[in-house]
Amino acid sequence: MKFAKITAIFGISVFSCMSVYASQNPFMINANQRDFQAQQNNKGKKHLTAESVQLPSNARELKSVTLTFQNLDGTTESKQLKVDKTIDWHYPIKITQQEAIRNISKRYFSLNDFEFYMEGKTFVISSPKHRILRHFLLANPTTIVVDFSRDKGAAYDGNIGTGEKYYAKVGVNAKSNLYRVSIELDGIYQYTLKSAKNNTHTIQLR
């Protein structure tokens, strides 16, 4: 039985992780500078969003995935991920840097320390580690913004497109002293936000 090995070469951007460590270790400034220079040198290259490969019709199991990546100093390394799971060859294998929705049927997903759930016009944010500070609405595009205490949390900047109606895009961005959750809507709505004692916050559109 054949198995597939996928090799992808891409540059790694480690700015988010490096910036957190740099705040704790001042000697990391040179590494940050090298990372910035590498990003400038790679400006002509597209950032990885998603790549896919179609396996042959006789493929039944994916044994491993090998990723070959280029470091800041130009050297290359490879890491192998053992998979050893059955597959349906009809569907392509995808590699992506987006944080995926974990359960499509129930619309659960996470970004950093925040868990999200959405169903229809209801959107729930769970933030056990962070207190809600305020929330407000922005226009063009219509976006609900919810600020949380950062409490020495790690640097983070990420977002995900849901592909669903009502709540089109969700992002979490670390500011100097807070985390900002931005929820982009697919149209113009009013909303209510109710908080529970367990740091769960429910948004309802109307």
N, C-alpha and C. Protein backbone atom coordinates (compact mmCIF):
# COMPACT_ATOMS: atom_id res chain seq x y z
N MET A 1 0.85 -1.20 0.00
CA MET A 1 0.00 0.00 0.00
C MET A 1 0.88 1.24 0.00
N LYS A 2 0.56 2.16 -0.86
CA LYS A 2 1.35 3.36 -0.98
C LYS A 2 0.94 4.38 0.09
N PHE A 3 1.86 5.22 0.43
CA PHE A 3 1.49 6.33 1.30
C PHE A 3 2.15 7.58 0.77
N ALA A 4 1.58 8.70 1.16
CA ALA A 4 2.03 9.97 0.58
C ALA A 4 2.89 10.72 1.56
N LYS A 5 3.92 11.33 1.04
CA LYS A 5 4.75 12.25 1.83
C LYS A 5 4.61 13.63 1.21
N ILE A 6 4.23 14.59 2.01
CA ILE A 6 4.03 15.95 1.51
C ILE A 6 5.18 16.81 1.99
N THR A 7 5.83 17.48 1.09
CA THR A 7 6.92 18.36 1.44
C THR A 7 6.58 19.76 1.02
N ALA A 8 6.61 20.70 1.95
CA ALA A 8 6.31 22.09 1.63
C ALA A 8 7.44 22.95 2.12
N ILE A 9 7.90 23.88 1.28
CA ILE A 9 8.96 24.79 1.67
C ILE A 9 8.35 26.16 1.87
N PHE A 10 8.53 26.71 3.02
CA PHE A 10 7.99 28.03 3.25
C PHE A 10 8.81 28.73 4.31
N GLY A 11 8.76 30.06 4.32
CA GLY A 11 9.45 30.85 5.32
C GLY A 11 8.59 30.98 6.55
N ILE A 12 9.19 30.93 7.70
CA ILE A 12 8.43 31.03 8.93
C ILE A 12 8.55 32.44 9.48
N SER A 13 7.40 33.03 9.78
CA SER A 13 7.39 34.33 10.43
C SER A 13 7.20 34.11 11.91
N VAL A 14 8.17 34.48 12.71
CA VAL A 14 8.10 34.21 14.14
C VAL A 14 8.02 35.50 14.93
N PHE A 15 7.52 36.54 14.29
CA PHE A 15 7.51 37.84 14.95
C PHE A 15 6.71 37.83 16.22
N SER A 16 5.51 37.18 16.21
CA SER A 16 4.65 37.22 17.40
C SER A 16 5.34 36.57 18.57
N CYS A 17 5.87 35.33 18.36
CA CYS A 17 6.51 34.62 19.45
C CYS A 17 7.77 35.33 19.90
N MET A 18 8.55 35.85 18.95
CA MET A 18 9.79 36.50 19.29
C MET A 18 9.55 37.75 20.12
N SER A 19 8.49 38.51 19.79
CA SER A 19 8.23 39.75 20.50
C SER A 19 7.88 39.50 21.95
N VAL A 20 7.20 38.36 22.21
CA VAL A 20 6.88 38.04 23.60
C VAL A 20 8.15 37.72 24.37
N TYR A 21 8.98 36.86 23.77
CA TYR A 21 10.20 36.46 24.45
C TYR A 21 11.15 37.63 24.62
N ALA A 22 11.14 38.55 23.64
CA ALA A 22 12.03 39.71 23.71
C ALA A 22 11.70 40.59 24.89
N SER A 23 10.41 40.65 25.25
CA SER A 23 10.02 41.47 26.39
C SER A 23 10.59 40.92 27.68
N GLN A 24 10.92 39.60 27.69
CA GLN A 24 11.48 38.96 28.86
C GLN A 24 13.00 38.86 28.75
N ASN A 25 13.54 38.91 27.55
CA ASN A 25 14.96 38.75 27.33
C ASN A 25 15.47 39.84 26.40
N PRO A 26 16.10 40.90 26.92
CA PRO A 26 16.53 42.01 26.06
C PRO A 26 17.58 41.62 25.05
N PHE A 27 18.22 40.46 25.24
CA PHE A 27 19.25 40.04 24.30
C PHE A 27 18.66 39.51 23.01
N MET A 28 17.34 39.39 22.92
CA MET A 28 16.70 38.89 21.71
C MET A 28 16.54 39.96 20.65
N ILE A 29 16.98 41.20 20.90
CA ILE A 29 16.76 42.27 19.94
C ILE A 29 17.45 41.98 18.61
N ASN A 30 18.64 41.35 18.63
CA ASN A 30 19.33 41.04 17.38
C ASN A 30 18.54 40.03 16.56
N ALA A 31 17.94 39.06 17.22
CA ALA A 31 17.13 38.08 16.51
C ALA A 31 15.91 38.75 15.89
N ASN A 32 15.33 39.70 16.61
CA ASN A 32 14.19 40.43 16.06
C ASN A 32 14.60 41.21 14.82
N GLN A 33 15.79 41.80 14.87
CA GLN A 33 16.27 42.55 13.71
C GLN A 33 16.48 41.62 12.52
N ARG A 34 17.03 40.43 12.77
CA ARG A 34 17.23 39.48 11.67
C ARG A 34 15.90 39.04 11.09
N ASP A 35 14.91 38.85 11.98
CA ASP A 35 13.59 38.45 11.50
C ASP A 35 12.99 39.54 10.62
N PHE A 36 13.14 40.80 11.05
CA PHE A 36 12.61 41.91 10.26
C PHE A 36 13.29 41.95 8.89
N GLN A 37 14.61 41.78 8.88
CA GLN A 37 15.34 41.80 7.61
C GLN A 37 14.89 40.67 6.71
N ALA A 38 14.66 39.49 7.29
CA ALA A 38 14.21 38.36 6.49
C ALA A 38 12.85 38.64 5.88
N GLN A 39 11.96 39.29 6.66
CA GLN A 39 10.65 39.63 6.13
C GLN A 39 10.78 40.62 4.98
N GLN A 40 11.71 41.58 5.10
CA GLN A 40 11.90 42.54 4.02
C GLN A 40 12.41 41.85 2.76
N ASN A 41 13.33 40.88 2.94
CA ASN A 41 13.88 40.16 1.79
C ASN A 41 12.85 39.29 1.11
N ASN A 42 11.83 38.86 1.87
CA ASN A 42 10.82 37.96 1.32
C ASN A 42 9.55 38.68 0.91
N LYS A 43 9.62 40.00 0.78
CA LYS A 43 8.41 40.76 0.46
C LYS A 43 7.77 40.31 -0.85
N GLY A 44 8.61 39.80 -1.78
CA GLY A 44 8.06 39.39 -3.07
C GLY A 44 7.33 38.06 -3.02
N LYS A 45 7.49 37.32 -1.93
CA LYS A 45 6.86 36.01 -1.80
C LYS A 45 5.50 36.13 -1.15
N LYS A 46 4.57 35.35 -1.64
CA LYS A 46 3.24 35.35 -1.05
C LYS A 46 3.26 34.65 0.29
N HIS A 47 2.44 35.15 1.22
CA HIS A 47 2.32 34.51 2.53
C HIS A 47 1.47 33.25 2.40
N LEU A 48 1.88 32.21 3.09
CA LEU A 48 1.15 30.95 3.03
C LEU A 48 -0.23 31.09 3.66
N THR A 49 -1.25 30.77 2.91
CA THR A 49 -2.61 30.68 3.45
C THR A 49 -3.07 29.23 3.42
N ALA A 50 -3.05 28.63 2.23
CA ALA A 50 -3.43 27.22 2.12
C ALA A 50 -2.86 26.62 0.84
N GLU A 51 -2.37 25.39 0.95
CA GLU A 51 -1.93 24.61 -0.19
C GLU A 51 -2.54 23.22 -0.05
N SER A 52 -2.82 22.59 -1.18
CA SER A 52 -3.44 21.27 -1.12
C SER A 52 -2.81 20.34 -2.15
N VAL A 53 -2.92 19.05 -1.91
CA VAL A 53 -2.42 18.04 -2.83
C VAL A 53 -3.46 16.93 -2.96
N GLN A 54 -3.70 16.50 -4.17
CA GLN A 54 -4.67 15.43 -4.42
C GLN A 54 -3.92 14.10 -4.49
N LEU A 55 -4.28 13.17 -3.64
CA LEU A 55 -3.64 11.87 -3.62
C LEU A 55 -4.23 10.95 -4.68
N PRO A 56 -3.48 9.94 -5.12
CA PRO A 56 -4.00 9.00 -6.13
C PRO A 56 -5.14 8.15 -5.58
N SER A 57 -5.89 7.55 -6.47
CA SER A 57 -7.11 6.82 -6.08
C SER A 57 -6.83 5.56 -5.28
N ASN A 58 -5.59 5.06 -5.30
CA ASN A 58 -5.28 3.86 -4.52
C ASN A 58 -4.74 4.19 -3.13
N ALA A 59 -4.67 5.45 -2.76
CA ALA A 59 -4.20 5.85 -1.42
C ALA A 59 -5.29 5.57 -0.39
N ARG A 60 -4.91 4.95 0.71
CA ARG A 60 -5.87 4.61 1.76
C ARG A 60 -5.44 5.08 3.15
N GLU A 61 -4.15 5.26 3.36
CA GLU A 61 -3.66 5.71 4.66
C GLU A 61 -2.61 6.80 4.46
N LEU A 62 -2.63 7.80 5.33
CA LEU A 62 -1.59 8.82 5.36
C LEU A 62 -0.67 8.49 6.52
N LYS A 63 0.56 8.13 6.20
CA LYS A 63 1.49 7.68 7.23
C LYS A 63 2.22 8.84 7.91
N SER A 64 2.65 9.82 7.11
CA SER A 64 3.41 10.93 7.70
C SER A 64 3.40 12.12 6.76
N VAL A 65 3.75 13.27 7.32
CA VAL A 65 3.88 14.52 6.55
C VAL A 65 5.23 15.13 6.90
N THR A 66 6.00 15.49 5.90
CA THR A 66 7.30 16.12 6.10
C THR A 66 7.25 17.57 5.65
N LEU A 67 7.62 18.47 6.54
CA LEU A 67 7.67 19.89 6.23
C LEU A 67 9.13 20.34 6.17
N THR A 68 9.53 20.92 5.08
CA THR A 68 10.88 21.47 4.93
C THR A 68 10.76 22.99 4.94
N PHE A 69 11.43 23.64 5.88
CA PHE A 69 11.27 25.08 6.04
C PHE A 69 12.63 25.77 6.06
N GLN A 70 12.60 27.04 5.72
CA GLN A 70 13.82 27.85 5.70
C GLN A 70 13.88 28.73 6.94
N ASN A 71 15.04 28.74 7.59
CA ASN A 71 15.24 29.53 8.80
C ASN A 71 15.67 30.96 8.46
N LEU A 72 15.79 31.77 9.50
CA LEU A 72 16.20 33.16 9.31
C LEU A 72 17.58 33.28 8.67
N ASP A 73 18.48 32.34 9.00
CA ASP A 73 19.84 32.43 8.47
C ASP A 73 19.99 31.80 7.09
N GLY A 74 18.88 31.36 6.50
CA GLY A 74 18.91 30.79 5.16
C GLY A 74 19.06 29.29 5.11
N THR A 75 19.37 28.66 6.24
CA THR A 75 19.48 27.20 6.27
C THR A 75 18.10 26.57 6.22
N THR A 76 18.03 25.32 5.81
CA THR A 76 16.76 24.61 5.75
C THR A 76 16.77 23.43 6.71
N GLU A 77 15.61 23.13 7.25
CA GLU A 77 15.42 21.99 8.14
C GLU A 77 14.14 21.28 7.73
N SER A 78 14.00 20.05 8.19
CA SER A 78 12.78 19.28 7.94
C SER A 78 12.25 18.71 9.24
N LYS A 79 10.95 18.70 9.36
CA LYS A 79 10.29 18.06 10.50
C LYS A 79 9.22 17.12 9.97
N GLN A 80 9.16 15.95 10.57
CA GLN A 80 8.19 14.95 10.13
C GLN A 80 7.09 14.77 11.17
N LEU A 81 5.87 14.82 10.70
CA LEU A 81 4.70 14.60 11.55
C LEU A 81 4.14 13.22 11.25
N LYS A 82 4.13 12.35 12.25
CA LYS A 82 3.54 11.03 12.07
C LYS A 82 2.02 11.14 12.13
N VAL A 83 1.35 10.60 11.14
CA VAL A 83 -0.10 10.68 11.06
C VAL A 83 -0.72 9.31 11.28
N ASP A 84 -0.42 8.36 10.38
CA ASP A 84 -0.88 6.98 10.49
C ASP A 84 -2.40 6.89 10.68
N LYS A 85 -3.13 7.53 9.77
CA LYS A 85 -4.59 7.51 9.81
C LYS A 85 -5.14 7.22 8.42
N THR A 86 -6.34 6.66 8.38
CA THR A 86 -6.98 6.38 7.10
C THR A 86 -7.47 7.68 6.47
N ILE A 87 -7.57 7.68 5.15
CA ILE A 87 -7.99 8.87 4.43
C ILE A 87 -8.99 8.49 3.34
N ASP A 88 -9.72 9.47 2.86
CA ASP A 88 -10.57 9.33 1.69
C ASP A 88 -9.88 10.09 0.56
N TRP A 89 -9.39 9.36 -0.42
CA TRP A 89 -8.59 9.98 -1.48
C TRP A 89 -9.37 10.98 -2.32
N HIS A 90 -10.71 10.95 -2.24
CA HIS A 90 -11.52 11.90 -3.01
C HIS A 90 -11.26 13.35 -2.60
N TYR A 91 -10.83 13.54 -1.34
CA TYR A 91 -10.65 14.89 -0.82
C TYR A 91 -9.17 15.23 -0.69
N PRO A 92 -8.76 16.43 -1.11
CA PRO A 92 -7.34 16.79 -1.06
C PRO A 92 -6.84 16.96 0.37
N ILE A 93 -5.55 16.75 0.55
CA ILE A 93 -4.89 17.03 1.81
C ILE A 93 -4.45 18.49 1.79
N LYS A 94 -4.73 19.21 2.86
CA LYS A 94 -4.48 20.66 2.87
C LYS A 94 -3.51 21.02 3.99
N ILE A 95 -2.61 21.96 3.70
CA ILE A 95 -1.77 22.56 4.72
C ILE A 95 -2.12 24.04 4.77
N THR A 96 -2.35 24.55 5.98
CA THR A 96 -2.79 25.93 6.12
C THR A 96 -2.22 26.53 7.40
N GLN A 97 -2.11 27.84 7.44
CA GLN A 97 -1.69 28.55 8.64
C GLN A 97 -2.87 29.18 9.36
N GLN A 98 -4.04 29.09 8.81
CA GLN A 98 -5.21 29.62 9.49
C GLN A 98 -5.64 28.68 10.59
N GLU A 99 -6.12 29.26 11.68
CA GLU A 99 -6.65 28.43 12.76
C GLU A 99 -8.06 28.01 12.38
N ALA A 100 -8.22 26.73 12.19
CA ALA A 100 -9.45 26.22 11.59
C ALA A 100 -10.56 26.06 12.62
N ILE A 101 -11.78 26.11 12.15
CA ILE A 101 -12.93 25.78 12.98
C ILE A 101 -12.87 24.29 13.30
N ARG A 102 -12.89 23.95 14.58
CA ARG A 102 -12.67 22.57 14.98
C ARG A 102 -13.88 21.68 14.74
N ASN A 103 -15.07 22.22 14.87
CA ASN A 103 -16.27 21.41 14.72
C ASN A 103 -17.25 22.19 13.85
N ILE A 104 -17.30 21.86 12.57
CA ILE A 104 -18.10 22.63 11.63
C ILE A 104 -19.58 22.57 11.99
N SER A 105 -20.06 21.42 12.43
CA SER A 105 -21.49 21.28 12.70
C SER A 105 -21.93 22.16 13.86
N LYS A 106 -21.06 22.35 14.84
CA LYS A 106 -21.43 23.16 16.01
C LYS A 106 -20.76 24.53 16.02
N ARG A 107 -19.88 24.79 15.04
CA ARG A 107 -19.25 26.10 14.90
C ARG A 107 -18.42 26.49 16.13
N TYR A 108 -17.62 25.56 16.61
CA TYR A 108 -16.68 25.86 17.68
C TYR A 108 -15.32 26.19 17.08
N PHE A 109 -14.63 27.19 17.62
CA PHE A 109 -13.26 27.43 17.22
C PHE A 109 -12.57 28.26 18.30
N SER A 110 -11.27 28.43 18.18
CA SER A 110 -10.52 29.17 19.19
C SER A 110 -9.44 30.01 18.55
N LEU A 111 -9.10 31.11 19.22
CA LEU A 111 -7.98 31.97 18.86
C LEU A 111 -7.29 32.35 20.16
N ASN A 112 -6.03 32.00 20.29
CA ASN A 112 -5.26 32.28 21.49
C ASN A 112 -5.97 31.69 22.72
N ASP A 113 -6.23 32.51 23.75
CA ASP A 113 -6.88 32.01 24.97
C ASP A 113 -8.40 32.04 24.89
N PHE A 114 -8.96 32.39 23.76
CA PHE A 114 -10.39 32.61 23.65
C PHE A 114 -11.07 31.47 22.87
N GLU A 115 -12.18 31.00 23.42
CA GLU A 115 -13.00 29.99 22.76
C GLU A 115 -14.26 30.66 22.24
N PHE A 116 -14.69 30.25 21.05
CA PHE A 116 -15.86 30.85 20.42
C PHE A 116 -16.85 29.77 19.98
N TYR A 117 -18.12 30.15 20.03
CA TYR A 117 -19.19 29.28 19.54
C TYR A 117 -20.22 30.17 18.88
N MET A 118 -20.68 29.77 17.71
CA MET A 118 -21.71 30.57 17.05
C MET A 118 -22.78 29.65 16.47
N GLU A 119 -24.00 30.15 16.55
CA GLU A 119 -25.15 29.43 16.00
C GLU A 119 -26.22 30.46 15.65
N GLY A 120 -26.49 30.62 14.37
CA GLY A 120 -27.45 31.61 13.94
C GLY A 120 -27.00 33.01 14.33
N LYS A 121 -27.85 33.76 15.00
CA LYS A 121 -27.52 35.12 15.42
C LYS A 121 -26.86 35.17 16.80
N THR A 122 -26.56 34.01 17.35
CA THR A 122 -25.93 33.94 18.68
C THR A 122 -24.43 33.69 18.54
N PHE A 123 -23.66 34.44 19.31
CA PHE A 123 -22.20 34.30 19.31
C PHE A 123 -21.73 34.31 20.75
N VAL A 124 -20.98 33.29 21.15
CA VAL A 124 -20.54 33.16 22.54
C VAL A 124 -19.01 33.22 22.61
N ILE A 125 -18.52 34.02 23.54
CA ILE A 125 -17.08 34.13 23.80
C ILE A 125 -16.80 33.59 25.20
N SER A 126 -15.85 32.67 25.31
CA SER A 126 -15.42 32.16 26.60
C SER A 126 -13.99 32.63 26.85
N SER A 127 -13.79 33.32 27.97
CA SER A 127 -12.46 33.89 28.27
C SER A 127 -12.11 33.66 29.73
N PRO A 128 -11.83 32.42 30.13
CA PRO A 128 -11.58 32.12 31.54
C PRO A 128 -10.42 32.91 32.15
N LYS A 129 -9.43 33.26 31.33
CA LYS A 129 -8.23 33.92 31.86
C LYS A 129 -8.30 35.45 31.83
N HIS A 130 -9.32 36.00 31.17
CA HIS A 130 -9.31 37.45 30.94
C HIS A 130 -10.68 38.07 31.23
N ARG A 131 -10.65 39.21 31.92
CA ARG A 131 -11.87 39.92 32.29
C ARG A 131 -12.32 40.83 31.15
N ILE A 132 -13.63 40.91 30.95
CA ILE A 132 -14.15 41.83 29.95
C ILE A 132 -14.03 43.26 30.47
N LEU A 133 -13.63 44.17 29.61
CA LEU A 133 -13.47 45.58 29.99
C LEU A 133 -14.56 46.46 29.40
N ARG A 134 -14.85 46.29 28.13
CA ARG A 134 -15.87 47.10 27.46
C ARG A 134 -16.19 46.48 26.10
N HIS A 135 -17.26 46.97 25.50
CA HIS A 135 -17.60 46.53 24.15
C HIS A 135 -18.32 47.67 23.44
N PHE A 136 -18.17 47.71 22.13
CA PHE A 136 -18.78 48.78 21.34
C PHE A 136 -18.87 48.34 19.88
N LEU A 137 -19.54 49.15 19.08
CA LEU A 137 -19.80 48.82 17.68
C LEU A 137 -19.11 49.82 16.76
N LEU A 138 -18.43 49.31 15.73
CA LEU A 138 -17.81 50.14 14.71
C LEU A 138 -18.55 49.96 13.39
N ALA A 139 -18.43 50.96 12.51
CA ALA A 139 -19.09 50.89 11.20
C ALA A 139 -18.06 50.73 10.09
N ASN A 140 -18.54 50.26 8.95
CA ASN A 140 -17.74 50.20 7.71
C ASN A 140 -16.41 49.44 7.83
N PRO A 141 -16.42 48.12 7.95
CA PRO A 141 -17.59 47.26 8.04
C PRO A 141 -18.12 47.20 9.47
N THR A 142 -19.37 46.81 9.62
CA THR A 142 -19.97 46.70 10.94
C THR A 142 -19.21 45.66 11.76
N THR A 143 -18.64 46.09 12.87
CA THR A 143 -17.78 45.22 13.68
C THR A 143 -18.07 45.42 15.15
N ILE A 144 -18.32 44.33 15.86
CA ILE A 144 -18.45 44.36 17.31
C ILE A 144 -17.05 44.20 17.90
N VAL A 145 -16.66 45.13 18.76
CA VAL A 145 -15.35 45.08 19.40
C VAL A 145 -15.55 44.81 20.89
N VAL A 146 -14.85 43.81 21.40
CA VAL A 146 -14.91 43.47 22.83
C VAL A 146 -13.48 43.46 23.37
N ASP A 147 -13.22 44.31 24.35
CA ASP A 147 -11.89 44.40 24.94
C ASP A 147 -11.83 43.60 26.24
N PHE A 148 -10.73 42.88 26.41
CA PHE A 148 -10.49 42.07 27.60
C PHE A 148 -9.15 42.45 28.22
N SER A 149 -9.03 42.23 29.53
CA SER A 149 -7.75 42.45 30.20
C SER A 149 -6.72 41.47 29.64
N ARG A 150 -5.51 41.94 29.50
CA ARG A 150 -4.45 41.07 28.95
C ARG A 150 -3.80 40.24 30.05
N ASP A 151 -3.61 40.82 31.23
CA ASP A 151 -3.09 40.07 32.38
C ASP A 151 -1.82 39.30 32.06
N LYS A 152 -0.85 39.99 31.47
CA LYS A 152 0.45 39.41 31.12
C LYS A 152 0.35 38.28 30.09
N GLY A 153 -0.73 38.27 29.34
CA GLY A 153 -0.88 37.25 28.30
C GLY A 153 0.09 37.47 27.16
N ALA A 154 0.29 36.43 26.37
CA ALA A 154 1.27 36.47 25.29
C ALA A 154 0.83 37.39 24.16
N ALA A 155 1.80 37.86 23.40
CA ALA A 155 1.49 38.64 22.20
C ALA A 155 0.75 37.75 21.21
N TYR A 156 -0.21 38.31 20.53
CA TYR A 156 -0.99 37.51 19.58
C TYR A 156 -1.67 38.42 18.57
N ASP A 157 -1.75 37.94 17.33
CA ASP A 157 -2.44 38.67 16.28
C ASP A 157 -2.93 37.65 15.27
N GLY A 158 -4.21 37.31 15.34
CA GLY A 158 -4.74 36.28 14.45
C GLY A 158 -6.21 36.50 14.16
N ASN A 159 -6.67 35.94 13.05
CA ASN A 159 -8.08 36.04 12.70
C ASN A 159 -8.49 34.85 11.87
N ILE A 160 -9.80 34.66 11.73
CA ILE A 160 -10.33 33.55 10.95
C ILE A 160 -11.61 34.00 10.27
N GLY A 161 -11.75 33.65 9.02
CA GLY A 161 -13.00 33.86 8.31
C GLY A 161 -13.90 32.65 8.52
N THR A 162 -15.12 32.86 8.96
CA THR A 162 -15.99 31.74 9.32
C THR A 162 -16.67 31.10 8.12
N GLY A 163 -16.87 31.86 7.04
CA GLY A 163 -17.61 31.33 5.91
C GLY A 163 -19.10 31.20 6.18
N GLU A 164 -19.56 31.82 7.26
CA GLU A 164 -20.96 31.73 7.65
C GLU A 164 -21.62 33.12 7.59
N LYS A 165 -22.95 33.13 7.58
CA LYS A 165 -23.65 34.41 7.61
C LYS A 165 -23.66 34.98 9.02
N TYR A 166 -23.99 36.23 9.13
CA TYR A 166 -24.01 37.02 10.35
C TYR A 166 -22.58 37.36 10.82
N TYR A 167 -21.86 36.37 11.33
CA TYR A 167 -20.53 36.61 11.88
C TYR A 167 -19.49 36.16 10.85
N ALA A 168 -18.99 37.12 10.07
CA ALA A 168 -18.16 36.77 8.91
C ALA A 168 -16.69 36.53 9.26
N LYS A 169 -16.17 37.27 10.22
CA LYS A 169 -14.74 37.19 10.51
C LYS A 169 -14.50 37.52 11.97
N VAL A 170 -13.60 36.78 12.61
CA VAL A 170 -13.29 36.99 14.02
C VAL A 170 -11.77 37.14 14.17
N GLY A 171 -11.35 38.14 14.94
CA GLY A 171 -9.93 38.35 15.16
C GLY A 171 -9.62 38.62 16.62
N VAL A 172 -8.42 38.25 17.05
CA VAL A 172 -7.92 38.56 18.39
C VAL A 172 -6.57 39.25 18.23
N ASN A 173 -6.45 40.44 18.81
CA ASN A 173 -5.21 41.21 18.69
C ASN A 173 -4.77 41.69 20.06
N ALA A 174 -3.51 41.49 20.38
CA ALA A 174 -2.96 41.95 21.65
C ALA A 174 -2.53 43.40 21.55
N LYS A 175 -3.06 44.24 22.42
CA LYS A 175 -2.63 45.63 22.55
C LYS A 175 -1.68 45.71 23.76
N SER A 176 -1.26 46.91 24.11
CA SER A 176 -0.28 47.05 25.19
C SER A 176 -0.78 46.50 26.52
N ASN A 177 -2.06 46.70 26.82
CA ASN A 177 -2.58 46.25 28.11
C ASN A 177 -3.92 45.53 27.99
N LEU A 178 -4.27 45.08 26.79
CA LEU A 178 -5.55 44.39 26.62
C LEU A 178 -5.52 43.49 25.38
N TYR A 179 -6.49 42.58 25.34
CA TYR A 179 -6.78 41.80 24.14
C TYR A 179 -8.03 42.38 23.50
N ARG A 180 -8.00 42.60 22.21
CA ARG A 180 -9.16 43.11 21.49
C ARG A 180 -9.73 42.02 20.59
N VAL A 181 -10.97 41.64 20.85
CA VAL A 181 -11.69 40.69 20.01
C VAL A 181 -12.56 41.48 19.04
N SER A 182 -12.34 41.29 17.75
CA SER A 182 -13.10 42.00 16.72
C SER A 182 -13.96 40.99 15.97
N ILE A 183 -15.26 41.27 15.91
CA ILE A 183 -16.20 40.36 15.25
C ILE A 183 -16.85 41.12 14.11
N GLU A 184 -16.41 40.84 12.91
CA GLU A 184 -16.94 41.53 11.73
C GLU A 184 -18.24 40.88 11.27
N LEU A 185 -19.27 41.69 11.08
CA LEU A 185 -20.58 41.19 10.69
C LEU A 185 -20.77 41.31 9.18
N ASP A 186 -21.74 40.56 8.65
CA ASP A 186 -21.96 40.58 7.20
C ASP A 186 -22.96 41.64 6.77
N GLY A 187 -23.44 42.44 7.73
CA GLY A 187 -24.40 43.49 7.42
C GLY A 187 -24.54 44.42 8.61
N ILE A 188 -25.58 45.24 8.58
CA ILE A 188 -25.82 46.21 9.65
C ILE A 188 -26.81 45.62 10.65
N TYR A 189 -26.38 45.52 11.91
CA TYR A 189 -27.22 44.96 12.98
C TYR A 189 -27.03 45.78 14.25
N GLN A 190 -27.99 45.63 15.16
CA GLN A 190 -27.81 46.03 16.55
C GLN A 190 -27.53 44.76 17.34
N TYR A 191 -26.98 44.92 18.55
CA TYR A 191 -26.63 43.72 19.31
C TYR A 191 -26.81 43.96 20.80
N THR A 192 -26.91 42.87 21.53
CA THR A 192 -26.84 42.90 22.99
C THR A 192 -25.74 41.95 23.42
N LEU A 193 -25.11 42.25 24.56
CA LEU A 193 -24.08 41.37 25.11
C LEU A 193 -24.38 41.14 26.58
N LYS A 194 -24.49 39.88 26.96
CA LYS A 194 -24.75 39.51 28.35
C LYS A 194 -23.60 38.63 28.85
N SER A 195 -23.11 38.94 30.05
CA SER A 195 -21.99 38.21 30.63
C SER A 195 -22.46 37.33 31.77
N ALA A 196 -21.91 36.12 31.84
CA ALA A 196 -22.20 35.19 32.93
C ALA A 196 -21.02 35.18 33.90
N LYS A 197 -21.20 34.55 35.06
CA LYS A 197 -20.18 34.56 36.09
C LYS A 197 -18.93 33.78 35.70
N ASN A 198 -19.06 32.84 34.78
CA ASN A 198 -17.92 32.01 34.39
C ASN A 198 -17.11 32.63 33.24
N ASN A 199 -17.20 33.95 33.09
CA ASN A 199 -16.49 34.66 32.02
C ASN A 199 -16.92 34.19 30.63
N THR A 200 -18.19 33.87 30.50
CA THR A 200 -18.78 33.55 29.21
C THR A 200 -19.69 34.70 28.81
N HIS A 201 -19.53 35.18 27.59
CA HIS A 201 -20.24 36.38 27.14
C HIS A 201 -21.02 36.04 25.87
N THR A 202 -22.31 36.32 25.89
CA THR A 202 -23.20 35.95 24.78
C THR A 202 -23.67 37.19 24.04
N ILE A 203 -23.39 37.21 22.75
CA ILE A 203 -23.83 38.30 21.87
C ILE A 203 -25.04 37.82 21.07
N GLN A 204 -26.05 38.67 21.01
CA GLN A 204 -27.26 38.35 20.25
C GLN A 204 -27.52 39.50 19.28
N LEU A 205 -27.63 39.17 17.99
CA LEU A 205 -27.94 40.19 16.99
C LEU A 205 -29.44 40.40 16.87
N ARG A 206 -29.81 41.60 16.45
CA ARG A 206 -31.23 41.86 16.20
C ARG A 206 -31.36 42.93 15.11
